[in-house]
Protein backbone atom coordinates (compact mmCIF):
# COMPACT_ATOMS: atom_id res chain seq x y z
CA MET A 1 79.05 65.60 100.04
CA LYS A 2 79.25 65.87 103.81
CA PRO A 3 78.31 69.23 105.33
CA ILE A 4 81.04 71.68 106.28
CA LYS A 5 80.94 72.27 110.03
CA VAL A 6 81.98 75.75 111.09
CA ALA A 7 83.03 77.55 114.26
CA LEU A 8 82.43 81.30 114.25
CA ALA A 9 84.42 83.56 116.56
CA GLY A 10 83.06 87.02 117.36
CA ALA A 11 79.32 87.41 117.80
CA GLY A 12 79.30 91.16 117.20
CA ALA A 13 77.84 93.13 114.29
CA PHE A 14 79.89 91.38 111.60
CA GLY A 15 79.63 87.92 113.12
CA ILE A 16 75.84 88.19 112.94
CA LYS A 17 76.09 89.21 109.26
CA HIS A 18 77.99 85.99 108.60
CA LEU A 19 75.46 83.92 110.55
CA ASP A 20 72.64 85.44 108.50
CA GLY A 21 74.48 84.79 105.23
CA ILE A 22 75.33 81.18 106.10
CA GLN A 23 71.65 80.41 106.65
CA ASN A 24 71.24 80.79 102.87
CA ILE A 25 74.09 78.39 102.01
CA ALA A 26 73.32 74.68 101.66
CA GLY A 27 75.69 72.11 103.11
CA VAL A 28 77.12 74.34 105.85
CA GLU A 29 76.37 74.17 109.57
CA VAL A 30 77.66 76.46 112.32
CA VAL A 31 78.34 74.13 115.26
CA SER A 32 80.29 76.39 117.62
CA LEU A 33 80.07 80.08 118.57
CA ILE A 34 82.88 81.87 120.38
CA SER A 35 82.63 85.35 121.90
CA ARG A 36 83.72 87.34 124.95
CA GLU A 37 80.42 87.59 126.85
CA LEU A 38 79.07 84.11 127.58
CA ASP A 39 75.44 85.04 128.31
CA LYS A 40 75.11 87.19 125.20
CA THR A 41 76.81 84.49 123.12
CA LYS A 42 74.39 81.84 124.44
CA GLU A 43 71.47 84.08 123.47
CA ILE A 44 72.74 84.46 119.89
CA ALA A 45 73.57 80.74 119.65
CA ALA A 46 70.03 79.84 120.68
CA LYS A 47 68.61 82.13 117.99
CA TYR A 48 70.70 80.44 115.27
CA GLY A 49 70.49 76.88 116.61
CA ILE A 50 74.19 76.58 117.46
CA SER A 51 74.87 73.79 119.94
CA HIS A 52 78.33 74.68 121.31
CA VAL A 53 79.15 77.99 123.01
CA THR A 54 82.44 79.11 124.54
CA THR A 55 84.56 82.17 125.29
CA GLU A 56 87.77 80.39 124.23
CA LEU A 57 88.77 79.84 120.59
CA ASN A 58 91.06 76.93 121.57
CA GLU A 59 88.07 75.04 122.97
CA SER A 60 86.37 75.18 119.57
CA LEU A 61 89.59 74.30 117.73
CA ALA A 62 89.78 71.12 119.83
CA LEU A 63 86.43 69.92 118.44
CA LYS A 64 87.14 67.24 115.83
CA GLU A 65 83.88 67.95 114.00
CA VAL A 66 84.92 71.55 113.21
CA ASP A 67 86.24 71.77 109.63
CA ALA A 68 86.54 75.53 109.29
CA VAL A 69 86.59 78.73 111.32
CA ILE A 70 85.37 82.24 110.53
CA LEU A 71 87.06 84.95 112.61
CA CYS A 72 85.12 88.18 113.25
CA THR A 73 87.22 89.23 116.22
CA PRO A 74 89.12 92.44 117.02
CA THR A 75 91.75 93.48 114.48
CA GLN A 76 94.65 92.96 116.88
CA MET A 77 93.76 89.25 117.23
CA HIS A 78 93.38 88.43 113.52
CA ALA A 79 96.85 87.18 112.62
CA SER A 80 97.50 85.18 115.81
CA GLN A 81 94.05 83.55 115.71
CA THR A 82 94.42 82.72 112.00
CA LEU A 83 97.72 80.99 112.80
CA ALA A 84 96.06 79.08 115.66
CA CYS A 85 93.32 77.83 113.30
CA LEU A 86 95.81 76.71 110.64
CA LYS A 87 98.02 74.96 113.20
CA ALA A 88 94.91 73.15 114.48
CA GLY A 89 94.27 71.88 110.93
CA LYS A 90 91.22 74.05 110.27
CA HIS A 91 90.37 76.00 107.14
CA VAL A 92 90.02 79.67 108.10
CA GLN A 93 88.43 82.86 106.88
CA VAL A 94 89.50 85.95 108.81
CA GLU A 95 87.66 89.23 108.50
CA ILE A 96 89.51 92.22 107.10
CA PRO A 97 92.21 93.19 108.00
CA LEU A 98 94.52 90.17 107.87
CA CYS A 99 96.91 91.93 110.26
CA ASP A 100 97.94 95.30 111.63
CA VAL A 101 101.65 94.45 111.51
CA LEU A 102 103.06 93.30 108.15
CA HIS A 103 105.36 90.64 109.60
CA ASP A 104 102.36 88.88 111.17
CA GLY A 105 100.55 88.79 107.82
CA GLU A 106 103.64 87.38 106.12
CA GLU A 107 103.81 84.61 108.72
CA VAL A 108 100.16 83.73 108.10
CA VAL A 109 100.81 83.42 104.36
CA GLN A 110 103.85 81.17 104.93
CA VAL A 111 102.01 78.87 107.34
CA ALA A 112 98.94 78.74 105.09
CA GLU A 113 101.00 77.73 102.06
CA LYS A 114 102.68 74.90 103.98
CA SER A 115 99.38 73.68 105.46
CA GLY A 116 97.51 73.13 102.21
CA LEU A 117 94.40 74.50 103.93
CA VAL A 118 92.08 77.21 102.62
CA ALA A 119 93.04 80.52 104.23
CA MET A 120 91.02 83.53 103.13
CA CYS A 121 90.67 87.15 104.20
CA GLY A 122 87.28 88.87 104.07
CA HIS A 123 87.96 91.56 101.47
CA THR A 124 84.23 92.03 100.91
CA ARG A 125 84.51 94.65 98.17
CA ARG A 126 85.75 91.95 95.79
CA PHE A 127 82.39 90.23 96.28
CA ASN A 128 79.85 93.08 96.41
CA PRO A 129 77.70 92.80 93.24
CA SER A 130 78.28 96.47 92.39
CA HIS A 131 82.05 95.97 92.27
CA GLN A 132 81.69 92.58 90.60
CA TYR A 133 79.76 94.30 87.79
CA VAL A 134 82.64 96.73 87.22
CA HIS A 135 85.14 93.86 87.43
CA ASN A 136 83.21 91.94 84.77
CA GLN A 137 83.30 95.00 82.50
CA ILE A 138 87.06 95.23 82.96
CA THR A 139 87.75 91.53 82.33
CA ALA A 140 85.53 91.69 79.21
CA GLY A 141 87.76 94.50 77.90
CA GLN A 142 84.91 97.02 77.89
CA PHE A 143 86.18 99.34 80.64
CA ASN A 144 89.56 100.43 81.95
CA ILE A 145 90.03 102.43 85.14
CA GLN A 146 91.79 105.75 84.76
CA GLN A 147 91.04 106.96 88.29
CA MET A 148 89.20 105.85 91.40
CA ASP A 149 87.93 108.49 93.80
CA VAL A 150 86.88 106.95 97.13
CA GLN A 151 85.41 108.40 100.32
CA THR A 152 85.25 106.32 103.51
CA TYR A 153 83.34 108.35 106.06
CA PHE A 154 82.12 107.59 109.59
CA PHE A 155 81.08 109.58 112.63
CA ARG A 156 82.86 107.69 115.39
CA ARG A 157 84.37 109.67 118.24
CA SER A 158 84.15 106.84 120.75
CA ASN A 159 84.72 103.08 120.56
CA MET A 160 81.39 101.88 119.12
CA ASN A 161 80.64 99.11 116.63
CA ALA A 162 78.19 99.11 113.70
CA LEU A 163 75.34 98.28 116.10
CA GLY A 164 76.15 101.24 118.36
CA GLN A 165 77.59 98.98 121.07
CA PRO A 166 80.86 99.63 122.94
CA ARG A 167 83.97 98.03 121.43
CA SER A 168 86.74 96.39 123.43
CA TRP A 169 89.33 97.52 120.84
CA THR A 170 90.17 100.56 118.76
CA ASP A 171 89.31 100.68 115.05
CA HIS A 172 91.88 102.07 112.59
CA LEU A 173 91.51 104.08 109.37
CA LEU A 174 94.74 102.79 107.79
CA TRP A 175 94.93 99.10 108.72
CA HIS A 176 91.19 98.43 108.53
CA HIS A 177 89.24 100.88 106.40
CA ALA A 178 91.94 101.81 103.89
CA ALA A 179 92.63 98.08 103.38
CA HIS A 180 89.30 97.73 101.54
CA THR A 181 90.19 100.33 98.91
CA VAL A 182 93.91 99.61 98.59
CA ASP A 183 93.12 95.97 97.79
CA LEU A 184 90.13 96.77 95.56
CA PHE A 185 92.07 99.30 93.49
CA ALA A 186 94.86 96.82 92.63
CA TYR A 187 92.34 93.99 92.13
CA GLN A 188 90.13 95.98 89.77
CA CYS A 189 93.09 97.38 87.82
CA GLY A 190 94.71 93.96 87.58
CA SER A 191 97.93 95.82 88.22
CA PRO A 192 100.12 96.16 91.34
CA ILE A 193 100.41 99.43 93.26
CA VAL A 194 103.80 101.00 92.57
CA LYS A 195 103.45 104.35 94.33
CA ALA A 196 101.61 105.30 97.53
CA ASN A 197 101.47 108.47 99.61
CA ALA A 198 99.60 109.30 102.82
CA ILE A 199 99.00 112.22 105.16
CA GLN A 200 96.90 112.27 108.31
CA GLY A 201 95.18 114.76 110.56
CA PRO A 202 95.52 115.27 114.32
CA ILE A 203 95.75 112.29 116.67
CA HIS A 204 92.65 111.92 118.89
CA PRO A 205 93.60 112.63 122.54
CA THR A 206 91.88 109.54 124.01
CA LEU A 207 91.58 107.06 121.10
CA GLY A 208 95.22 107.61 120.12
CA ILE A 209 94.53 107.34 116.37
CA ALA A 210 94.27 109.77 113.47
CA MET A 211 90.63 110.62 112.76
CA ASP A 212 91.26 111.87 109.21
CA MET A 213 93.53 110.57 106.48
CA SER A 214 94.24 111.07 102.78
CA ILE A 215 95.89 108.43 100.56
CA GLN A 216 97.10 108.54 96.94
CA LEU A 217 97.88 105.39 94.95
CA LYS A 218 99.25 104.65 91.49
CA ALA A 219 99.14 101.26 89.75
CA ALA A 220 101.78 99.96 87.37
CA ASN A 221 99.35 100.38 84.45
CA GLY A 222 99.09 104.13 85.17
CA ALA A 223 95.69 104.20 86.92
CA ILE A 224 95.46 106.40 90.02
CA CYS A 225 93.34 106.40 93.17
CA THR A 226 92.54 109.10 95.71
CA LEU A 227 91.13 107.90 99.05
CA SER A 228 89.74 110.19 101.77
CA LEU A 229 88.96 108.66 105.18
CA SER A 230 87.38 110.22 108.27
CA PHE A 231 85.91 109.29 111.63
CA ASN A 232 84.76 112.93 112.00
CA ASN A 233 82.20 113.09 109.19
CA ASP A 234 78.64 113.72 110.43
CA GLY A 235 76.86 112.05 107.47
CA PRO A 236 76.33 110.58 105.00
CA LEU A 237 78.16 107.54 106.33
CA GLY A 238 79.82 104.66 104.50
CA THR A 239 82.17 104.22 101.57
CA PHE A 240 81.46 105.71 98.16
CA PHE A 241 83.44 104.69 95.08
CA ARG A 242 83.67 106.62 91.81
CA TYR A 243 85.25 104.66 88.97
CA ILE A 244 86.37 107.02 86.21
CA GLY A 245 87.28 105.05 83.10
CA ASP A 246 88.00 105.32 79.41
CA SER A 247 84.45 104.40 78.39
CA ALA A 248 82.19 105.14 81.39
CA THR A 249 81.91 106.42 84.94
CA TYR A 250 80.45 104.23 87.69
CA ILE A 251 79.47 105.20 91.22
CA ALA A 252 79.22 102.34 93.74
CA ARG A 253 77.47 102.78 97.07
CA TYR A 254 77.70 99.40 98.79
CA ASP A 255 75.47 97.11 96.69
CA ASP A 256 73.99 99.89 94.54
CA LEU A 257 75.61 101.01 91.29
CA PHE A 258 74.97 104.14 89.23
CA THR A 259 76.34 105.81 86.14
CA GLY A 260 78.14 109.11 86.54
CA LYS A 261 74.80 110.75 85.73
CA GLU A 262 73.14 108.97 88.69
CA GLU A 263 71.26 106.49 86.50
CA LYS A 264 70.81 103.25 88.45
CA ILE A 265 72.38 100.09 87.02
CA GLY A 266 70.71 96.79 87.89
CA VAL A 267 73.16 94.38 89.51
CA SER A 268 70.74 91.77 90.90
CA GLY A 269 71.75 89.29 88.20
CA VAL A 270 75.50 89.57 88.78
CA ALA A 271 75.66 86.84 91.45
CA VAL A 272 73.37 84.41 93.28
CA SER A 273 72.86 86.92 96.10
CA MET A 274 72.95 90.67 96.65
CA ASN A 275 74.67 90.14 100.00
CA GLY A 276 78.45 90.63 99.75
CA ILE A 277 79.12 88.79 103.04
CA GLU A 278 77.09 85.79 101.88
CA LEU A 279 78.94 85.77 98.55
CA GLN A 280 82.25 85.95 100.41
CA ASP A 281 81.23 82.96 102.55
CA ARG A 282 80.04 81.03 99.49
CA GLU A 283 83.50 81.47 97.94
CA PHE A 284 85.17 80.24 101.15
CA PHE A 285 83.08 77.08 101.35
CA ALA A 286 83.32 76.41 97.59
CA ALA A 287 87.12 76.62 97.79
CA ILE A 288 87.10 74.06 100.63
CA GLN A 289 84.83 71.69 98.71
CA GLU A 290 86.76 72.08 95.45
CA GLY A 291 90.22 71.90 97.01
CA ARG A 292 91.39 75.21 95.54
CA GLN A 293 92.52 78.63 96.70
CA PRO A 294 89.74 81.22 97.06
CA ASN A 295 89.44 84.69 95.64
CA SER A 296 90.96 86.86 98.39
CA SER A 297 93.23 84.12 99.69
CA VAL A 298 95.66 85.43 102.30
CA ALA A 299 98.45 85.20 99.70
CA SER A 300 96.51 87.25 97.14
CA VAL A 301 95.74 90.08 99.57
CA LEU A 302 99.23 90.31 101.13
CA PRO A 303 100.34 93.03 98.64
CA CYS A 304 97.64 95.29 100.14
CA TYR A 305 99.24 94.99 103.58
CA GLN A 306 102.70 95.63 102.12
CA VAL A 307 101.35 98.96 100.83
CA LEU A 308 99.71 99.75 104.20
CA HIS A 309 103.05 99.03 105.90
CA GLU A 310 104.82 101.48 103.58
CA LEU A 311 102.16 104.10 104.28
CA GLU A 312 102.49 103.60 108.03
CA LEU A 313 106.24 104.18 107.79
CA GLN A 314 105.56 107.39 105.86
CA LEU A 315 103.08 108.60 108.47
CA ASN A 316 105.43 107.78 111.36
CA ASP A 317 108.25 109.72 109.68
CA ALA A 318 106.08 112.77 108.94
């Protein structure tokens, strides 16, 4: 089987996570790196042995050897760049979120379906071994979610990325960080969200976004979810999931999983890696090779963005 040749756009914190993960995947080669700052991009390309460097996505899309593209670019570019990749005949994986305007996400899904290409969105929580363990318990009929209690907390009062470097764009609690949990809740329940409520705190005077938000969700099967989000929280940082079920309680902290009594559960045997980004990329490349739709295809995650759209309308009317 010939190797899959990949262009990666966005050499920031998340782009580097993908480059690290791909190094562990046989039959895949990153042949083009796209990012805003040419000198910095050249430096990263040299480290990972990537031959082609550019600041323009279209230049990489014009390369015949490129089979697939991974987009780790600013949120506001996701939908338009995904469309550009599909129209250029390239398989595409776009980092979460798929869009920050529902209509754009719907257009991506329509174009993807007509193209026959693999189009995937990086909903990493579906792939983290801790959440996969819970998912396996659910599909085996051994656990049913009654409630999820989730905290997504950061301390971010200026535009900085995960590496502490300045961002050229503004992050968003609803369209980015809430997307992880809204999608995961419906995915783990195996049931669509039928009710959603949101309230938000004050708008930041310079960033122009709400720094605190609270979301309630209900699935068709009766399960509920409460999500608290903040950019004002001065530690601990990250997202913490409590699954309260009919037979157990699980607490997931990224790739670590515990019982409700803080007893650690081993999840190293759940998948071939403990790295959620690597597992996400493995699914993308496997779907290309096998000619199938991936877990977290753009079509499968669109309901998440329909809920986010409804919540945004609520918040704007409040």
